Amino acid sequence: ERMMALSDWLAKSPDTGQLFLLDGVTTPANVGMVIRTVVAADLAGIILPRKGCPKVDPLVIKASAGTAFRAPILRVENAEMAARQLSDHGIPIIALRMESAINLYSFEAPPRSAWVLGNEATGVSAAVEQYVSRWVRIPMPGPAESLNVAVAGSVVAFELVRRRGQDLSD
């Protein structure tokens, strides 16, 4: 397991790297699928708050297809504390909102940032919302109201991979 405290990770002060912050994502399957995406996309880490998110238990591990054992999991007490620590270290916090005027595909993502994935039903919490520096939307031309949180995380993660110019032909 590659688990460490968010504060320890921040103390290393990496200059680049994209993080995911889970804010009230409560379904173990969604947490596991997001962990799998973080590993597959080689993101810098996933912040799993102790409060408001499931523990990394057998359900999460199964949904992660075992990648939870290799994932860079960063722990913190709650999502608001994570957002505050990230902000204090100058890391921009980006969140998804369907009403945003900023399209994910035209958004210039900073080389180091944290992307908030909010609760399956209510989205980003008010406590975390105050730290968000940019709201971005995933354009959806079809009639669906939203995407599953794990799917939205995958869309963001692999857009970031594409921008890094990594070979996606495999």
C-alpha atoms as a PDB file:
ATOM      1  CA  GLU A   1       0.000   0.000   0.000  1.00  0.00           C
ATOM      2  CA  ARG A   2       1.276   3.440  -0.931  1.00  0.00           C
ATOM      3  CA  MET A   3      -0.764   5.354   1.644  1.00  0.00           C
ATOM      4  CA  MET A   4       0.507   8.546   3.276  1.00  0.00           C
ATOM      5  CA  ALA A   5      -0.858  11.634   4.949  1.00  0.00           C
ATOM      6  CA  LEU A   6      -1.696  14.486   2.578  1.00  0.00           C
ATOM      7  CA  SER A   7       0.430  16.779   4.770  1.00  0.00           C
ATOM      8  CA  ASP A   8       3.462  14.507   4.220  1.00  0.00           C
ATOM      9  CA  TRP A   9       2.881  14.507   0.465  1.00  0.00           C
ATOM     10  CA  LEU A  10       2.561  18.295   0.456  1.00  0.00           C
ATOM     11  CA  ALA A  11       5.791  18.629   2.456  1.00  0.00           C
ATOM     12  CA  LYS A  12       7.621  17.074  -0.489  1.00  0.00           C
ATOM     13  CA  SER A  13       6.271  19.970  -2.607  1.00  0.00           C
ATOM     14  CA  PRO A  14       6.054  18.374  -6.039  1.00  0.00           C
ATOM     15  CA  ASP A  15       5.972  21.038  -8.747  1.00  0.00           C
ATOM     16  CA  THR A  16       3.643  19.130 -11.004  1.00  0.00           C
ATOM     17  CA  GLY A  17       1.001  16.485 -10.702  1.00  0.00           C
ATOM     18  CA  GLN A  18      -2.733  16.174 -10.756  1.00  0.00           C
ATOM     19  CA  LEU A  19      -4.620  14.977  -7.711  1.00  0.00           C
ATOM     20  CA  PHE A  20      -8.182  13.843  -7.260  1.00  0.00           C
ATOM     21  CA  LEU A  21      -9.988  14.795  -4.048  1.00  0.00           C
ATOM     22  CA  LEU A  22     -13.071  12.765  -3.180  1.00  0.00           C
ATOM     23  CA  ASP A  23     -15.658  14.930  -1.427  1.00  0.00           C
ATOM     24  CA  GLY A  24     -18.410  12.799   0.053  1.00  0.00           C
ATOM     25  CA  VAL A  25     -18.189   9.997  -2.518  1.00  0.00           C
ATOM     26  CA  THR A  26     -19.894   7.291  -0.459  1.00  0.00           C
ATOM     27  CA  THR A  27     -20.323   4.288  -2.751  1.00  0.00           C
ATOM     28  CA  PRO A  28     -17.440   1.816  -2.350  1.00  0.00           C
ATOM     29  CA  ALA A  29     -17.695   0.781  -6.023  1.00  0.00           C
ATOM     30  CA  ASN A  30     -17.278   4.402  -7.142  1.00  0.00           C
ATOM     31  CA  VAL A  31     -14.297   4.913  -4.844  1.00  0.00           C
ATOM     32  CA  GLY A  32     -12.667   1.742  -6.181  1.00  0.00           C
ATOM     33  CA  MET A  33     -13.273   2.729  -9.797  1.00  0.00           C
ATOM     34  CA  VAL A  34     -11.802   6.192  -9.224  1.00  0.00           C
ATOM     35  CA  ILE A  35      -8.739   4.618  -7.583  1.00  0.00           C
ATOM     36  CA  ARG A  36      -8.348   2.364 -10.635  1.00  0.00           C
ATOM     37  CA  THR A  37      -8.555   5.405 -12.921  1.00  0.00           C
ATOM     38  CA  VAL A  38      -5.945   7.302 -10.878  1.00  0.00           C
ATOM     39  CA  VAL A  39      -3.536   4.371 -11.223  1.00  0.00           C
ATOM     40  CA  ALA A  40      -4.311   3.816 -14.922  1.00  0.00           C
ATOM     41  CA  ALA A  41      -3.825   7.507 -15.756  1.00  0.00           C
ATOM     42  CA  ASP A  42      -0.727   7.754 -13.536  1.00  0.00           C
ATOM     43  CA  LEU A  43      -2.057  10.732 -11.598  1.00  0.00           C
ATOM     44  CA  ALA A  44      -0.030  12.022  -8.640  1.00  0.00           C
ATOM     45  CA  GLY A  45      -2.538  10.823  -6.062  1.00  0.00           C
ATOM     46  CA  ILE A  46      -6.059  10.423  -4.778  1.00  0.00           C
ATOM     47  CA  ILE A  47      -7.089  12.123  -1.566  1.00  0.00           C
ATOM     48  CA  LEU A  48      -9.427   9.905   0.450  1.00  0.00           C
ATOM     49  CA  PRO A  49     -10.781  11.702   3.510  1.00  0.00           C
ATOM     50  CA  ARG A  50     -11.364   9.502   6.565  1.00  0.00           C
ATOM     51  CA  LYS A  51     -14.787  11.114   7.054  1.00  0.00           C
ATOM     52  CA  GLY A  52     -17.268  11.054   4.200  1.00  0.00           C
ATOM     53  CA  CYS A  53     -15.637   8.301   2.125  1.00  0.00           C
ATOM     54  CA  PRO A  54     -15.569   4.533   2.636  1.00  0.00           C
ATOM     55  CA  LYS A  55     -12.482   2.838   4.033  1.00  0.00           C
ATOM     56  CA  VAL A  56     -10.239   0.984   1.607  1.00  0.00           C
ATOM     57  CA  ASP A  57     -11.985  -2.300   2.377  1.00  0.00           C
ATOM     58  CA  PRO A  58     -12.633  -5.464   0.326  1.00  0.00           C
ATOM     59  CA  LEU A  59     -15.469  -3.780  -1.646  1.00  0.00           C
ATOM     60  CA  VAL A  60     -13.264  -0.832  -2.622  1.00  0.00           C
ATOM     61  CA  ILE A  61     -10.319  -3.111  -3.407  1.00  0.00           C
ATOM     62  CA  LYS A  62     -12.488  -5.352  -5.598  1.00  0.00           C
ATOM     63  CA  ALA A  63     -13.903  -2.362  -7.515  1.00  0.00           C
ATOM     64  CA  SER A  64     -10.349  -1.070  -7.977  1.00  0.00           C
ATOM     65  CA  ALA A  65      -9.389  -4.414  -9.556  1.00  0.00           C
ATOM     66  CA  GLY A  66      -6.590  -4.637  -7.008  1.00  0.00           C
ATOM     67  CA  THR A  67      -5.022  -1.306  -7.967  1.00  0.00           C
ATOM     68  CA  ALA A  68      -5.756   0.041  -4.474  1.00  0.00           C
ATOM     69  CA  PHE A  69      -2.558  -1.719  -3.392  1.00  0.00           C
ATOM     70  CA  ARG A  70      -0.519   0.344  -5.879  1.00  0.00           C
ATOM     71  CA  ALA A  71      -2.443   3.610  -5.696  1.00  0.00           C
ATOM     72  CA  PRO A  72      -0.900   6.797  -4.303  1.00  0.00           C
ATOM     73  CA  ILE A  73      -3.593   7.242  -1.624  1.00  0.00           C
ATOM     74  CA  LEU A  74      -3.344  10.411   0.448  1.00  0.00           C
ATOM     75  CA  ARG A  75      -5.220  10.510   3.744  1.00  0.00           C
ATOM     76  CA  VAL A  76      -6.683  13.475   5.588  1.00  0.00           C
ATOM     77  CA  GLU A  77      -9.420  13.858   8.191  1.00  0.00           C
ATOM     78  CA  ASN A  78     -12.056  15.401   5.902  1.00  0.00           C
ATOM     79  CA  ALA A  79     -12.463  16.980   2.466  1.00  0.00           C
ATOM     80  CA  GLU A  80     -12.583  20.541   3.795  1.00  0.00           C
ATOM     81  CA  MET A  81      -9.249  20.062   5.582  1.00  0.00           C
ATOM     82  CA  ALA A  82      -7.785  18.691   2.350  1.00  0.00           C
ATOM     83  CA  ALA A  83      -9.035  21.669   0.362  1.00  0.00           C
ATOM     84  CA  ARG A  84      -7.586  24.084   2.930  1.00  0.00           C
ATOM     85  CA  GLN A  85      -4.185  22.348   2.942  1.00  0.00           C
ATOM     86  CA  LEU A  86      -4.081  22.303  -0.860  1.00  0.00           C
ATOM     87  CA  SER A  87      -5.004  25.998  -1.029  1.00  0.00           C
ATOM     88  CA  ASP A  88      -2.410  26.861   1.603  1.00  0.00           C
ATOM     89  CA  HIS A  89       0.210  25.192  -0.628  1.00  0.00           C
ATOM     90  CA  GLY A  90      -0.912  27.190  -3.673  1.00  0.00           C
ATOM     91  CA  ILE A  91      -2.486  24.214  -5.431  1.00  0.00           C
ATOM     92  CA  PRO A  92      -5.531  25.320  -7.433  1.00  0.00           C
ATOM     93  CA  ILE A  93      -8.714  23.375  -6.776  1.00  0.00           C
ATOM     94  CA  ILE A  94     -10.888  22.594  -9.764  1.00  0.00           C
ATOM     95  CA  ALA A  95     -14.368  21.137  -9.561  1.00  0.00           C
ATOM     96  CA  LEU A  96     -16.966  19.950 -12.014  1.00  0.00           C
ATOM     97  CA  ARG A  97     -20.302  21.715 -12.433  1.00  0.00           C
ATOM     98  CA  MET A  98     -22.662  21.305 -15.367  1.00  0.00           C
ATOM     99  CA  GLU A  99     -23.550  25.016 -15.321  1.00  0.00           C
ATOM    100  CA  SER A 100     -19.969  26.189 -15.709  1.00  0.00           C
ATOM    101  CA  ALA A 101     -19.132  28.248 -18.767  1.00  0.00           C
ATOM    102  CA  ILE A 102     -15.668  26.663 -18.885  1.00  0.00           C
ATOM    103  CA  ASN A 103     -15.453  23.543 -21.037  1.00  0.00           C
ATOM    104  CA  LEU A 104     -13.043  20.841 -19.820  1.00  0.00           C
ATOM    105  CA  TYR A 105     -11.603  20.476 -23.327  1.00  0.00           C
ATOM    106  CA  SER A 106     -10.656  24.142 -23.659  1.00  0.00           C
ATOM    107  CA  PHE A 107      -9.662  24.689 -20.009  1.00  0.00           C
ATOM    108  CA  GLU A 108      -5.944  25.289 -19.427  1.00  0.00           C
ATOM    109  CA  ALA A 109      -5.300  23.021 -16.468  1.00  0.00           C
ATOM    110  CA  PRO A 110      -2.399  24.117 -14.274  1.00  0.00           C
ATOM    111  CA  PRO A 111       0.490  21.615 -14.195  1.00  0.00           C
ATOM    112  CA  ARG A 112      -0.232  21.042 -10.509  1.00  0.00           C
ATOM    113  CA  SER A 113      -3.859  21.016  -9.392  1.00  0.00           C
ATOM    114  CA  ALA A 114      -6.462  19.092  -7.442  1.00  0.00           C
ATOM    115  CA  TRP A 115      -9.721  18.022  -9.049  1.00  0.00           C
ATOM    116  CA  VAL A 116     -12.688  17.583  -6.707  1.00  0.00           C
ATOM    117  CA  LEU A 117     -15.106  14.753  -7.396  1.00  0.00           C
ATOM    118  CA  GLY A 118     -18.230  15.436  -5.361  1.00  0.00           C
ATOM    119  CA  ASN A 119     -20.967  13.349  -3.823  1.00  0.00           C
ATOM    120  CA  GLU A 120     -22.988  11.164  -6.185  1.00  0.00           C
ATOM    121  CA  ALA A 121     -26.253  13.045  -5.480  1.00  0.00           C
ATOM    122  CA  THR A 122     -25.335  16.471  -4.107  1.00  0.00           C
ATOM    123  CA  GLY A 123     -22.014  17.275  -5.777  1.00  0.00           C
ATOM    124  CA  VAL A 124     -19.274  19.325  -4.126  1.00  0.00           C
ATOM    125  CA  SER A 125     -19.955  20.197  -0.481  1.00  0.00           C
ATOM    126  CA  ALA A 126     -20.374  23.806   0.649  1.00  0.00           C
ATOM    127  CA  ALA A 127     -17.313  23.366   2.901  1.00  0.00           C
ATOM    128  CA  VAL A 128     -15.099  22.497  -0.093  1.00  0.00           C
ATOM    129  CA  GLU A 129     -16.836  24.827  -2.552  1.00  0.00           C
ATOM    130  CA  GLN A 130     -15.327  27.896  -0.857  1.00  0.00           C
ATOM    131  CA  TYR A 131     -11.831  26.703  -1.899  1.00  0.00           C
ATOM    132  CA  VAL A 132     -12.647  25.989  -5.549  1.00  0.00           C
ATOM    133  CA  SER A 133     -10.710  28.285  -7.868  1.00  0.00           C
ATOM    134  CA  ARG A 134     -12.308  27.114 -11.137  1.00  0.00           C
ATOM    135  CA  TRP A 135     -15.491  25.317 -12.097  1.00  0.00           C
ATOM    136  CA  VAL A 136     -15.343  23.255 -15.257  1.00  0.00           C
ATOM    137  CA  ARG A 137     -17.974  21.262 -17.127  1.00  0.00           C
ATOM    138  CA  ILE A 138     -17.782  18.113 -19.160  1.00  0.00           C
ATOM    139  CA  PRO A 139     -19.783  18.931 -22.281  1.00  0.00           C
ATOM    140  CA  MET A 140     -22.684  16.529 -22.720  1.00  0.00           C
ATOM    141  CA  PRO A 141     -24.607  17.006 -25.954  1.00  0.00           C
ATOM    142  CA  GLY A 142     -27.102  14.276 -25.039  1.00  0.00           C
ATOM    143  CA  PRO A 143     -30.117  14.570 -22.752  1.00  0.00           C
ATOM    144  CA  ALA A 144     -28.522  12.995 -19.628  1.00  0.00           C
ATOM    145  CA  GLU A 145     -28.387  15.291 -16.599  1.00  0.00           C
ATOM    146  CA  SER A 146     -25.012  14.094 -15.338  1.00  0.00           C
ATOM    147  CA  LEU A 147     -22.373  11.383 -15.392  1.00  0.00           C
ATOM    148  CA  ASN A 148     -21.582   8.856 -12.689  1.00  0.00           C
ATOM    149  CA  VAL A 149     -18.806  10.257 -10.479  1.00  0.00           C
ATOM    150  CA  ALA A 150     -16.365   7.497 -11.445  1.00  0.00           C
ATOM    151  CA  VAL A 151     -17.070   8.038 -15.140  1.00  0.00           C
ATOM    152  CA  ALA A 152     -16.625  11.813 -14.782  1.00  0.00           C
ATOM    153  CA  GLY A 153     -13.304  11.179 -13.024  1.00  0.00           C
ATOM    154  CA  SER A 154     -12.204   8.957 -15.909  1.00  0.00           C
ATOM    155  CA  VAL A 155     -13.103  11.591 -18.474  1.00  0.00           C
ATOM    156  CA  VAL A 156     -11.036  14.197 -16.603  1.00  0.00           C
ATOM    157  CA  ALA A 157      -8.109  11.848 -15.922  1.00  0.00           C
ATOM    158  CA  PHE A 158      -7.699  10.772 -19.515  1.00  0.00           C
ATOM    159  CA  GLU A 159      -8.086  14.301 -20.825  1.00  0.00           C
ATOM    160  CA  LEU A 160      -5.128  15.131 -18.559  1.00  0.00           C
ATOM    161  CA  VAL A 161      -3.232  12.116 -19.952  1.00  0.00           C
ATOM    162  CA  ARG A 162      -3.947  13.299 -23.504  1.00  0.00           C
ATOM    163  CA  ARG A 163      -2.577  16.731 -22.660  1.00  0.00           C
ATOM    164  CA  ARG A 164       0.619  15.245 -21.256  1.00  0.00           C
ATOM    165  CA  GLY A 165       1.134  13.923 -24.767  1.00  0.00           C
ATOM    166  CA  GLN A 166       1.464  10.352 -23.656  1.00  0.00           C
ATOM    167  CA  ASP A 167       0.992   7.607 -26.198  1.00  0.00           C
ATOM    168  CA  LEU A 168      -2.605   6.416 -26.012  1.00  0.00           C
ATOM    169  CA  SER A 169      -2.320   3.972 -28.918  1.00  0.00           C
ATOM    170  CA  ASP A 170      -1.712   0.849 -26.807  1.00  0.00           C
END
